[in-house]
Amino acid sequence: MSKPAYLILENGRIFEGKFFGAEREAVGELVFTTGMTGYLETLTDKSYFGQIVLQTFPLIGNYGIISEDLENPSGQIAASAYIVKSWCEEPSNFRSEGNLDTFLKSKNIPGIYGIDTREVTKIIREEGVMNAKITDNIDNIDFDEIKNYKITNAIENVSCKNISQFVGSPLHEPCKYKVVLIDYGMKESIKQKLLDRNCDVFVAPYNTTAEQIKKINPDGIVLSDGPGDPADENNLEIINNLKEIIKLNIPIFGICLGHQLLALANNFKTQKLKYGHRGANQPVKDLSTGRVYITSQNHGYEVVTESIDESIARLSFENVNDKTCEGIEYINIPVFSSQFTPDDCDSFFGTGFLFGRFIENMKIREEDNNAPR
């Protein structure tokens, strides 16, 4: 028999459900994601650090736990807690290695099921992201504890500690380049997409300096996704590092948080969205072609379009729903960024071409360096 559990919102609303996973208390920033699948990628996405994640799709866990699909090889979960309408006790999938309840227990992550996730989502959409607490005790609720919760040192908590090298495999056309991937809380799939394009990847900590990168002598640099407020004062060192890294004149591709930090390094501004973009169905328009792509996103902040200095950069993609910034192309330097995570597809319908654009920038730099003087 599952133990009763309560979700307490900072606005005073209380929802009763039942525990699954670890039966313990948790406090975090409550957000929702609209993905119908991909719950394993969501759970192991470090961008959810310090957040309580609510799935809007009603049935979660039906294809079980598959280690190959995790966005973190260790299976570490950065989120504080997990909320679903219902979870599947008997998953049906030949690749399944267990169920969601057991997986959450093994990572000591609490979950709630059996609450009205539709109603909670409507509250967040109308009032905005807010803090919440999961508990089994609603006597003497400390609302100050909930309201005062703040995500701090997010990047430092999820980044790697040392530089590691990974050797590429040519699933696409051979193009052997050396890439530094700065880990602000990266998804494993971003590293894999570079390896699949036959790039050797050096995964480096968040505080890697321009001098350290210069010693590696890469052909390109990727700034990864990650959690937290990009303009947090704790990120000042990161932003100052990026200002020096840009001066190396090495091709740079910023993704998600990397996109936002790159904008801040160029003195643009960021701000918090009311409830963020989290899910696999965000429509994004390429302003150079007019094409619209359906993208996967997970972020609660945006680069303020009006803050982009048009003598330095231009808006390259925008969100069709709310017209927020989804991509920036920098002028006269081989640097660009996207708020969304490019998918694996290089076809007409996918956004994998952004990795191709990054590789093309590295190729151009190589040709320029080898050109007779």
Protein backbone atom coordinates (compact mmCIF):
# COMPACT_ATOMS: atom_id res chain seq x y z
CA MET A 1 0.00 0.00 0.00
CA SER A 2 1.41 3.37 -1.05
CA LYS A 3 1.86 5.99 1.63
CA PRO A 4 -0.19 9.23 1.38
CA ALA A 5 1.75 12.24 0.12
CA TYR A 6 0.94 15.91 -0.36
CA LEU A 7 2.06 18.53 -2.84
CA ILE A 8 2.04 21.97 -1.19
CA LEU A 9 2.29 25.00 -3.48
CA GLU A 10 3.68 28.30 -2.20
CA ASN A 11 0.32 29.94 -3.08
CA GLY A 12 -1.34 27.79 -0.42
CA ARG A 13 -2.93 25.10 -2.61
CA ILE A 14 -2.53 21.52 -1.38
CA PHE A 15 -2.98 18.37 -3.49
CA GLU A 16 -3.20 14.88 -2.02
CA GLY A 17 -1.70 11.87 -3.74
CA LYS A 18 0.51 8.88 -2.96
CA PHE A 19 4.23 8.34 -2.77
CA PHE A 20 6.24 6.31 -5.21
CA GLY A 21 10.00 6.23 -5.46
CA ALA A 22 11.70 7.40 -2.26
CA GLU A 23 9.25 8.23 0.53
CA ARG A 24 10.81 11.48 1.77
CA GLU A 25 10.25 15.24 1.74
CA ALA A 26 11.55 17.52 -0.99
CA VAL A 27 11.37 21.24 -1.81
CA GLY A 28 11.96 22.69 -5.26
CA GLU A 29 10.80 24.95 -8.07
CA LEU A 30 7.71 23.35 -9.61
CA VAL A 31 7.74 23.11 -13.42
CA PHE A 32 5.84 21.06 -15.99
CA THR A 33 6.93 19.31 -19.18
CA THR A 34 4.59 18.29 -21.99
CA GLY A 35 6.51 15.36 -23.48
CA MET A 36 4.38 12.28 -24.22
CA THR A 37 7.53 10.14 -24.21
CA GLY A 38 11.11 10.75 -23.14
CA TYR A 39 10.56 10.52 -19.38
CA LEU A 40 13.96 8.84 -18.99
CA GLU A 41 15.68 11.71 -20.77
CA THR A 42 13.71 14.17 -18.63
CA LEU A 43 14.63 12.48 -15.34
CA THR A 44 18.34 12.40 -16.19
CA ASP A 45 18.52 15.89 -17.74
CA LYS A 46 20.71 18.02 -15.45
CA SER A 47 18.84 21.15 -16.55
CA TYR A 48 16.15 20.15 -14.02
CA PHE A 49 18.55 20.62 -11.09
CA GLY A 50 16.63 21.83 -8.02
CA GLN A 51 13.21 21.50 -9.66
CA ILE A 52 10.14 19.37 -9.02
CA VAL A 53 9.15 18.04 -12.45
CA LEU A 54 5.50 17.42 -13.34
CA GLN A 55 4.62 15.38 -16.43
CA THR A 56 1.43 16.57 -18.14
CA PHE A 57 0.99 13.28 -20.04
CA PRO A 58 -1.15 11.06 -17.78
CA LEU A 59 0.66 7.69 -18.03
CA ILE A 60 4.41 7.61 -17.41
CA GLY A 61 6.76 4.62 -17.27
CA ASN A 62 5.00 2.32 -19.76
CA TYR A 63 8.22 1.34 -21.56
CA GLY A 64 10.25 0.93 -18.40
CA ILE A 65 13.84 1.90 -17.63
CA ILE A 66 16.38 1.70 -20.48
CA SER A 67 19.94 2.62 -19.53
CA GLU A 68 20.89 3.43 -23.14
CA ASP A 69 18.30 6.24 -23.19
CA LEU A 70 19.59 8.10 -20.13
CA GLU A 71 21.03 11.60 -20.65
CA ASN A 72 23.53 10.92 -17.88
CA PRO A 73 25.57 7.67 -18.02
CA SER A 74 25.47 7.31 -14.23
CA GLY A 75 21.68 7.63 -14.20
CA GLN A 76 22.00 10.52 -11.76
CA ILE A 77 18.77 12.52 -11.33
CA ALA A 78 19.25 16.26 -10.83
CA ALA A 79 15.57 17.04 -10.20
CA SER A 80 14.38 17.28 -6.59
CA ALA A 81 11.21 15.24 -7.14
CA TYR A 82 8.86 13.84 -9.79
CA ILE A 83 5.07 14.11 -10.24
CA VAL A 84 2.82 12.02 -12.51
CA LYS A 85 -0.88 11.30 -12.81
CA SER A 86 -0.19 7.55 -12.88
CA TRP A 87 2.87 5.34 -13.33
CA CYS A 88 3.05 1.97 -15.05
CA GLU A 89 3.84 -0.88 -12.68
CA GLU A 90 4.36 -3.47 -15.43
CA PRO A 91 6.16 -1.85 -18.39
CA SER A 92 6.04 -3.63 -21.75
CA ASN A 93 9.27 -3.32 -23.72
CA PHE A 94 11.91 -5.89 -24.65
CA ARG A 95 14.60 -3.33 -23.72
CA SER A 96 13.17 -2.61 -20.28
CA GLU A 97 15.42 -3.18 -17.26
CA GLY A 98 12.90 -2.34 -14.53
CA ASN A 99 10.10 0.02 -13.55
CA LEU A 100 10.01 3.70 -12.65
CA ASP A 101 9.30 3.21 -8.95
CA THR A 102 12.39 1.03 -8.45
CA PHE A 103 14.54 3.45 -10.46
CA LEU A 104 13.47 6.46 -8.38
CA LYS A 105 14.05 4.52 -5.15
CA SER A 106 17.57 3.60 -6.29
CA LYS A 107 18.34 7.31 -6.80
CA ASN A 108 16.56 8.41 -3.56
CA ILE A 109 14.19 10.67 -5.54
CA PRO A 110 10.63 11.07 -4.19
CA GLY A 111 7.62 11.00 -6.48
CA ILE A 112 3.88 11.60 -6.19
CA TYR A 113 1.16 10.00 -8.27
CA GLY A 114 -2.61 10.18 -8.19
CA ILE A 115 -2.97 13.97 -8.06
CA ASP A 116 -4.76 16.16 -10.61
CA THR A 117 -1.77 17.06 -12.78
CA ARG A 118 -4.02 18.95 -15.21
CA GLU A 119 -5.16 21.33 -12.44
CA VAL A 120 -1.61 21.87 -11.17
CA THR A 121 -0.42 22.62 -14.73
CA LYS A 122 -3.22 25.18 -15.18
CA ILE A 123 -2.15 26.92 -11.97
CA ILE A 124 1.46 27.19 -13.20
CA ARG A 125 0.34 28.46 -16.61
CA GLU A 126 -1.87 31.13 -15.05
CA GLU A 127 0.28 32.19 -12.08
CA GLY A 128 3.75 31.21 -13.29
CA VAL A 129 6.42 28.86 -11.98
CA MET A 130 6.41 28.66 -8.17
CA ASN A 131 8.06 26.72 -5.38
CA ALA A 132 6.48 23.64 -3.84
CA LYS A 133 7.07 20.93 -1.27
CA ILE A 134 6.38 17.21 -1.20
CA THR A 135 5.65 15.82 2.26
CA ASP A 136 3.58 13.31 4.19
CA ASN A 137 2.74 15.87 6.89
CA ILE A 138 0.47 18.88 6.42
CA ASP A 139 0.38 19.90 10.07
CA ASN A 140 2.14 23.21 10.80
CA ILE A 141 3.22 23.89 7.19
CA ASP A 142 6.20 26.25 6.98
CA PHE A 143 5.31 28.36 3.94
CA ASP A 144 8.38 30.56 4.49
CA GLU A 145 10.57 27.51 3.88
CA ILE A 146 8.79 26.93 0.56
CA LYS A 147 8.71 30.56 -0.59
CA ASN A 148 12.35 31.20 0.31
CA TYR A 149 13.71 28.20 -1.59
CA LYS A 150 16.18 29.24 -4.29
CA ILE A 151 18.28 27.25 -6.76
CA THR A 152 21.93 28.21 -6.21
CA ASN A 153 25.29 27.13 -7.66
CA ALA A 154 23.40 25.03 -10.17
CA ILE A 155 26.11 24.74 -12.83
CA GLU A 156 28.86 23.97 -10.32
CA ASN A 157 26.74 21.17 -8.86
CA VAL A 158 26.16 19.36 -12.17
CA SER A 159 29.33 20.00 -14.20
CA CYS A 160 32.18 17.49 -14.51
CA LYS A 161 35.33 18.06 -12.45
CA ASN A 162 38.06 17.15 -14.95
CA ILE A 163 38.71 17.23 -18.70
CA SER A 164 37.95 13.89 -20.43
CA GLN A 165 38.60 12.88 -24.03
CA PHE A 166 36.24 10.81 -26.21
CA VAL A 167 37.10 9.52 -29.70
CA GLY A 168 34.64 10.00 -32.55
CA SER A 169 33.03 7.34 -34.73
CA PRO A 170 32.16 8.13 -38.39
CA LEU A 171 28.45 7.37 -38.73
CA HIS A 172 28.16 10.50 -40.89
CA GLU A 173 30.66 11.75 -43.48
CA PRO A 174 34.21 11.64 -42.08
CA CYS A 175 35.27 15.03 -40.73
CA LYS A 176 37.81 14.50 -38.00
CA TYR A 177 37.84 17.65 -35.85
CA LYS A 178 38.80 18.28 -32.26
CA VAL A 179 35.99 19.86 -30.21
CA VAL A 180 35.96 21.19 -26.64
CA LEU A 181 32.51 20.65 -25.12
CA ILE A 182 32.13 22.85 -22.04
CA ASP A 183 29.92 21.04 -19.56
CA TYR A 184 27.39 23.33 -17.87
CA GLY A 185 25.19 20.28 -17.21
CA MET A 186 25.27 18.70 -20.65
CA LYS A 187 22.99 16.08 -22.08
CA GLU A 188 24.84 12.92 -23.07
CA SER A 189 23.13 13.11 -26.48
CA ILE A 190 24.96 16.35 -27.38
CA LYS A 191 28.32 14.66 -26.87
CA GLN A 192 27.10 11.65 -28.84
CA LYS A 193 25.96 13.79 -31.78
CA LEU A 194 29.48 15.22 -32.05
CA LEU A 195 31.07 11.77 -31.77
CA ASP A 196 28.73 10.42 -34.45
CA ARG A 197 30.02 13.15 -36.75
CA ASN A 198 33.54 11.80 -36.16
CA CYS A 199 34.68 14.61 -33.89
CA ASP A 200 37.08 13.93 -31.04
CA VAL A 201 35.41 15.50 -28.00
CA PHE A 202 37.13 16.96 -24.94
CA VAL A 203 34.45 17.40 -22.25
CA ALA A 204 35.64 20.23 -20.00
CA PRO A 205 34.37 21.66 -16.66
CA TYR A 206 32.26 24.81 -16.51
CA ASN A 207 35.18 26.98 -15.31
CA THR A 208 37.66 26.00 -18.03
CA THR A 209 39.63 29.09 -19.09
CA ALA A 210 40.62 30.37 -22.50
CA GLU A 211 44.24 29.49 -21.73
CA GLN A 212 43.33 25.88 -20.94
CA ILE A 213 41.34 25.63 -24.17
CA LYS A 214 44.22 27.15 -26.13
CA LYS A 215 46.49 24.34 -24.89
CA ILE A 216 44.06 21.72 -26.24
CA ASN A 217 44.11 23.59 -29.58
CA PRO A 218 40.58 22.60 -30.67
CA ASP A 219 38.97 23.23 -34.05
CA GLY A 220 35.69 24.22 -32.36
CA ILE A 221 33.94 24.81 -29.03
CA VAL A 222 30.43 23.77 -27.97
CA LEU A 223 28.75 25.39 -24.97
CA SER A 224 26.31 22.90 -23.47
CA ASP A 225 22.88 23.11 -21.92
CA GLY A 226 22.45 23.25 -18.15
CA PRO A 227 20.34 24.46 -15.20
CA GLY A 228 19.62 27.65 -13.32
CA ASP A 229 19.43 31.38 -13.95
CA PRO A 230 22.11 32.30 -16.52
CA ALA A 231 22.46 35.78 -14.98
CA ASP A 232 22.99 34.40 -11.45
CA GLU A 233 25.86 36.27 -9.80
CA ASN A 234 27.60 32.91 -9.28
CA ASN A 235 27.94 32.66 -13.08
CA LEU A 236 30.02 35.85 -13.39
CA GLU A 237 33.26 33.86 -13.65
CA ILE A 238 31.75 31.73 -16.44
CA ILE A 239 30.62 34.81 -18.37
CA ASN A 240 34.02 36.49 -18.00
CA ASN A 241 35.71 33.26 -19.18
CA LEU A 242 33.48 33.25 -22.25
CA LYS A 243 34.50 36.81 -23.12
CA GLU A 244 38.11 35.60 -23.31
CA ILE A 245 37.18 32.37 -25.12
CA ILE A 246 35.41 34.36 -27.86
CA LYS A 247 38.68 36.25 -28.48
CA LEU A 248 40.36 32.96 -29.50
CA ASN A 249 38.41 33.25 -32.79
CA ILE A 250 37.58 29.53 -32.73
CA PRO A 251 34.13 28.47 -34.05
CA ILE A 252 31.60 28.33 -31.19
CA PHE A 253 28.17 26.71 -31.02
CA GLY A 254 26.06 27.54 -27.93
CA ILE A 255 23.10 25.32 -27.02
CA CYS A 256 20.32 26.12 -24.51
CA LEU A 257 22.08 27.53 -21.41
CA GLY A 258 25.23 27.89 -23.54
CA HIS A 259 23.19 30.12 -25.87
CA GLN A 260 22.13 32.31 -22.93
CA LEU A 261 25.61 32.56 -21.37
CA LEU A 262 27.08 33.47 -24.76
CA ALA A 263 24.53 36.28 -25.05
CA LEU A 264 25.44 37.58 -21.57
CA ALA A 265 29.13 37.49 -22.53
CA ASN A 266 28.21 39.89 -25.35
CA ASN A 267 26.36 42.18 -22.90
CA PHE A 268 22.86 41.15 -24.01
CA LYS A 269 20.20 40.49 -21.36
CA THR A 270 18.25 37.46 -20.14
CA GLN A 271 14.99 37.23 -18.19
CA LYS A 272 12.77 34.58 -16.64
CA LEU A 273 9.82 33.21 -18.59
CA LYS A 274 6.45 32.87 -16.86
CA TYR A 275 6.44 29.07 -17.03
CA GLY A 276 9.20 28.22 -19.51
CA HIS A 277 9.41 25.94 -22.53
CA ARG A 278 9.65 22.27 -21.56
CA GLY A 279 8.67 19.50 -23.93
CA ALA A 280 9.21 18.10 -27.40
CA ASN A 281 6.70 20.19 -29.35
CA GLN A 282 7.97 23.79 -29.39
CA PRO A 283 7.55 25.40 -32.86
CA VAL A 284 10.56 27.47 -33.91
CA LYS A 285 10.84 29.61 -37.05
CA ASP A 286 14.07 29.97 -39.02
CA LEU A 287 14.00 33.66 -39.90
CA SER A 288 16.31 33.23 -42.90
CA THR A 289 14.09 30.66 -44.66
CA GLY A 290 10.67 30.98 -43.03
CA ARG A 291 10.65 27.24 -42.23
CA VAL A 292 9.13 26.12 -38.92
CA TYR A 293 10.68 23.24 -36.98
CA ILE A 294 9.21 21.31 -34.05
CA THR A 295 11.90 21.29 -31.37
CA SER A 296 12.73 19.79 -27.99
CA GLN A 297 13.32 22.35 -25.23
CA ASN A 298 13.87 22.62 -21.50
CA HIS A 299 14.48 26.12 -20.18
CA GLY A 300 12.93 28.74 -17.92
CA TYR A 301 14.84 31.80 -19.18
CA GLU A 302 15.15 33.66 -22.47
CA VAL A 303 17.54 36.05 -24.16
CA VAL A 304 15.74 39.40 -24.42
CA THR A 305 15.43 40.04 -28.16
CA GLU A 306 15.41 43.82 -27.74
CA SER A 307 18.79 43.63 -25.97
CA ILE A 308 20.59 42.09 -28.97
CA ASP A 309 23.05 44.63 -30.39
CA GLU A 310 22.49 44.43 -34.16
CA SER A 311 26.05 45.60 -34.82
CA ILE A 312 27.24 42.39 -33.09
CA ALA A 313 24.56 39.79 -33.85
CA ARG A 314 21.15 39.11 -35.32
CA LEU A 315 18.14 37.02 -34.27
CA SER A 316 18.17 33.81 -36.33
CA PHE A 317 15.27 31.79 -34.83
CA GLU A 318 12.16 32.77 -32.91
CA ASN A 319 9.48 30.85 -31.04
CA VAL A 320 6.24 30.77 -33.04
CA ASN A 321 4.06 30.73 -29.91
CA ASP A 322 5.46 33.69 -27.96
CA LYS A 323 8.04 35.26 -30.35
CA THR A 324 10.90 34.76 -27.86
CA CYS A 325 14.51 34.42 -29.01
CA GLU A 326 15.41 30.88 -30.14
CA GLY A 327 18.73 31.52 -31.88
CA ILE A 328 21.43 34.12 -32.48
CA GLU A 329 23.94 34.49 -35.33
CA TYR A 330 26.99 36.60 -34.51
CA ILE A 331 28.44 38.92 -37.15
CA ASN A 332 31.99 38.65 -38.53
CA ILE A 333 32.92 35.80 -36.16
CA PRO A 334 32.21 32.04 -36.52
CA VAL A 335 29.80 31.95 -33.57
CA PHE A 336 26.10 31.05 -33.37
CA SER A 337 23.68 29.58 -30.84
CA SER A 338 20.26 27.97 -30.44
CA GLN A 339 17.88 27.93 -27.47
CA PHE A 340 16.60 24.49 -28.50
CA THR A 341 18.55 21.23 -28.66
CA PRO A 342 19.14 20.27 -32.31
CA ASP A 343 17.76 16.81 -33.08
CA ASP A 344 19.53 13.90 -34.75
CA CYS A 345 17.86 14.45 -38.09
CA ASP A 346 19.89 16.14 -40.86
CA SER A 347 16.98 15.87 -43.31
CA PHE A 348 14.66 18.60 -44.56
CA PHE A 349 12.46 18.17 -41.49
CA GLY A 350 15.12 18.17 -38.73
CA THR A 351 17.44 20.65 -37.03
CA GLY A 352 20.56 18.46 -37.06
CA PHE A 353 21.85 20.78 -39.79
CA LEU A 354 23.02 23.11 -37.00
CA PHE A 355 25.72 20.59 -36.10
CA GLY A 356 26.55 20.52 -39.81
CA ARG A 357 26.84 24.31 -39.79
CA PHE A 358 29.19 24.12 -36.82
CA ILE A 359 31.36 21.55 -38.62
CA GLU A 360 31.36 23.70 -41.75
CA ASN A 361 32.66 26.63 -39.68
CA MET A 362 35.50 24.42 -38.43
CA LYS A 363 36.26 23.36 -42.01
CA ILE A 364 36.40 26.98 -43.19
CA ARG A 365 38.77 27.87 -40.35
CA GLU A 366 41.00 24.92 -41.25
CA GLU A 367 41.10 25.98 -44.90
CA ASP A 368 41.89 29.58 -43.94
CA ASN A 369 44.73 28.43 -41.66
CA ASN A 370 46.17 26.21 -44.43
CA ALA A 371 45.83 28.81 -47.17
CA PRO A 372 49.17 30.13 -48.57
CA ARG A 373 50.15 33.51 -47.15
